[in-house]
């Protein structure tokens, strides 16, 4: 978080000017206010915090899991509930406003796996490791970038 400080203003200026932003895994977590992991403040682009996965399942959550799409279209265009993505994480986001959550995943708890607000997106999974579904997700982001 402390290394992020020197880029905070620049990142916010980019978002304010309409440049699409995509946070992947830790990048998604950095979009929030704060985290149980290491302290510090995040980018505050989404209100909420990052918390540790409960120890009722193996932590880290590592491997394939599916999405429940809660809002269709946009960055999830062509991605259906039940699509599989690759995850590696021990923490997850808890947004104050659930309207930012456009897909969820269940791993001992339901957690946001994709968030969106304006042109700011976050994903808890790794699309670059998620085969065809990940390729579709990244293709959708590229389309958003191209306007």
Protein backbone atom coordinates (compact mmCIF):
# COMPACT_ATOMS: atom_id res chain seq x y z
CA UNK A 1 0.00 0.00 0.00
CA UNK A 2 2.82 2.40 0.80
CA UNK A 3 4.37 1.80 -2.65
CA UNK A 4 1.02 2.74 -4.18
CA UNK A 5 1.08 6.20 -2.61
CA UNK A 6 3.28 7.79 -5.29
CA UNK A 7 0.81 6.69 -8.00
CA UNK A 8 -2.46 7.47 -6.19
CA UNK A 9 -3.07 10.90 -7.73
CA UNK A 10 -2.13 9.75 -11.24
CA UNK A 11 -4.44 6.71 -11.05
CA UNK A 12 -7.35 8.85 -9.84
CA UNK A 13 -6.71 11.41 -12.60
CA UNK A 14 -6.81 8.64 -15.21
CA UNK A 15 -10.10 7.28 -13.81
CA UNK A 16 -11.60 10.78 -13.60
CA UNK A 17 -10.73 11.39 -17.26
CA UNK A 18 -12.56 8.21 -18.31
CA UNK A 19 -9.59 5.90 -18.86
CA UNK A 20 -10.75 2.30 -18.18
CA UNK A 21 -9.03 0.68 -15.21
CA UNK A 22 -8.84 -3.06 -14.48
CA UNK A 23 -7.57 -4.39 -11.16
CA UNK A 24 -6.78 -8.12 -11.18
CA UNK A 25 -6.67 -10.09 -7.90
CA UNK A 26 -4.61 -7.90 -5.54
CA UNK A 27 -5.26 -5.07 -8.01
CA UNK A 28 -8.99 -5.41 -7.31
CA UNK A 29 -8.35 -5.38 -3.57
CA UNK A 30 -6.28 -2.18 -3.91
CA UNK A 31 -9.35 -0.41 -5.33
CA UNK A 32 -10.99 -0.51 -1.86
CA UNK A 33 -10.58 1.65 1.26
CA UNK A 34 -8.58 -0.68 3.48
CA UNK A 35 -7.40 -4.23 4.08
CA UNK A 36 -6.84 -6.57 7.00
CA UNK A 37 -3.68 -7.65 5.19
CA UNK A 38 -0.85 -5.34 6.19
CA UNK A 39 -2.89 -2.22 6.87
CA UNK A 40 -2.57 0.99 4.93
CA UNK A 41 -5.16 2.70 2.79
CA UNK A 42 -6.26 1.64 -0.65
CA UNK A 43 -7.24 3.71 -3.67
CA UNK A 44 -10.76 4.26 -2.27
CA UNK A 45 -12.40 3.87 -5.68
CA UNK A 46 -14.86 1.47 -4.08
CA UNK A 47 -16.09 1.89 -0.52
CA UNK A 48 -15.46 -1.17 1.61
CA UNK A 49 -12.66 -3.32 2.94
CA UNK A 50 -10.67 -6.44 2.24
CA UNK A 51 -10.93 -9.34 4.71
CA UNK A 52 -9.34 -12.77 5.12
CA UNK A 53 -11.17 -15.84 3.84
CA UNK A 54 -12.53 -17.89 6.74
CA UNK A 55 -10.46 -20.95 7.68
CA UNK A 56 -13.41 -23.30 7.01
CA UNK A 57 -11.90 -24.11 3.59
CA UNK A 58 -8.32 -24.50 2.45
CA UNK A 59 -6.64 -21.08 2.28
CA UNK A 60 -5.51 -19.82 -0.12
CA UNK A 61 -8.42 -20.45 -2.44
CA UNK A 62 -6.41 -21.78 -5.37
CA UNK A 63 -7.84 -23.35 -8.48
CA UNK A 64 -10.88 -23.28 -10.72
CA UNK A 65 -14.23 -21.98 -9.56
CA UNK A 66 -17.33 -20.68 -11.28
CA UNK A 67 -19.11 -17.33 -11.36
CA UNK A 68 -22.67 -16.36 -10.62
CA UNK A 69 -23.30 -13.40 -12.91
CA UNK A 70 -25.51 -10.87 -11.11
CA UNK A 71 -25.47 -8.19 -13.85
CA UNK A 72 -25.13 -9.11 -17.53
CA UNK A 73 -23.38 -7.24 -20.31
CA UNK A 74 -20.43 -4.90 -20.43
CA UNK A 75 -17.24 -6.56 -19.26
CA UNK A 76 -19.24 -9.78 -18.74
CA UNK A 77 -20.78 -9.75 -22.22
CA UNK A 78 -20.97 -13.37 -23.39
CA UNK A 79 -19.93 -14.77 -19.99
CA UNK A 80 -22.64 -16.84 -18.35
CA UNK A 81 -23.30 -17.99 -14.81
CA UNK A 82 -21.33 -21.20 -14.39
CA UNK A 83 -18.32 -20.04 -16.42
CA UNK A 84 -15.06 -21.21 -14.86
CA UNK A 85 -12.12 -18.98 -13.88
CA UNK A 86 -8.83 -19.50 -12.05
CA UNK A 87 -8.42 -18.06 -8.53
CA UNK A 88 -5.46 -17.65 -6.16
CA UNK A 89 -6.23 -15.55 -3.07
CA UNK A 90 -6.50 -15.55 0.71
CA UNK A 91 -8.49 -12.31 1.04
CA UNK A 92 -11.67 -11.01 -0.56
CA UNK A 93 -13.48 -7.70 -0.86
CA UNK A 94 -16.51 -6.62 1.17
CA UNK A 95 -18.02 -3.62 -0.62
CA UNK A 96 -20.27 -1.24 1.31
CA UNK A 97 -22.47 -0.99 -1.79
CA UNK A 98 -23.45 -4.30 -3.37
CA UNK A 99 -24.55 -2.55 -6.57
CA UNK A 100 -20.88 -2.58 -7.65
CA UNK A 101 -20.86 -6.41 -7.60
CA UNK A 102 -21.59 -7.86 -11.04
CA UNK A 103 -20.47 -11.46 -10.36
CA UNK A 104 -19.96 -13.56 -7.25
CA UNK A 105 -18.20 -16.81 -6.43
CA UNK A 106 -18.71 -19.22 -3.53
CA UNK A 107 -15.79 -20.62 -1.53
CA UNK A 108 -16.99 -21.17 2.04
CA UNK A 109 -18.48 -17.66 1.68
CA UNK A 110 -19.89 -15.81 -1.30
CA UNK A 111 -17.54 -13.04 -2.36
CA UNK A 112 -17.44 -10.52 -5.21
CA UNK A 113 -15.49 -11.97 -8.11
CA UNK A 114 -16.14 -9.04 -10.48
CA UNK A 115 -16.92 -5.43 -9.57
CA UNK A 116 -17.69 -2.48 -11.81
CA UNK A 117 -18.40 1.22 -11.48
CA UNK A 118 -18.26 3.53 -14.50
CA UNK A 119 -15.09 2.37 -16.30
CA UNK A 120 -13.39 0.95 -13.21
CA UNK A 121 -13.38 -2.84 -12.99
CA UNK A 122 -11.93 -5.40 -10.63
CA UNK A 123 -11.71 -9.15 -10.75
CA UNK A 124 -10.65 -11.53 -7.99
CA UNK A 125 -9.76 -14.26 -10.48
CA UNK A 126 -6.88 -14.26 -12.94
CA UNK A 127 -8.32 -13.90 -16.45
CA UNK A 128 -4.86 -14.46 -17.97
CA UNK A 129 -4.90 -17.98 -16.46
CA UNK A 130 -8.57 -18.72 -17.13
CA UNK A 131 -8.57 -20.17 -20.62
CA UNK A 132 -11.40 -19.32 -23.00
CA UNK A 133 -13.50 -17.57 -20.33
CA UNK A 134 -10.57 -15.40 -19.32
CA UNK A 135 -9.82 -14.57 -22.94
CA UNK A 136 -13.44 -13.45 -23.42
CA UNK A 137 -13.25 -11.31 -20.28
CA UNK A 138 -10.03 -9.59 -21.44
CA UNK A 139 -11.46 -9.16 -24.95
CA UNK A 140 -14.47 -7.38 -23.42
CA UNK A 141 -12.14 -5.07 -21.48
CA UNK A 142 -10.22 -4.26 -24.67
CA UNK A 143 -13.51 -3.36 -26.39
CA UNK A 144 -14.33 -1.02 -23.51
CA UNK A 145 -10.90 0.58 -23.86
CA UNK A 146 -11.42 1.10 -27.58
CA UNK A 147 -14.65 2.97 -26.85
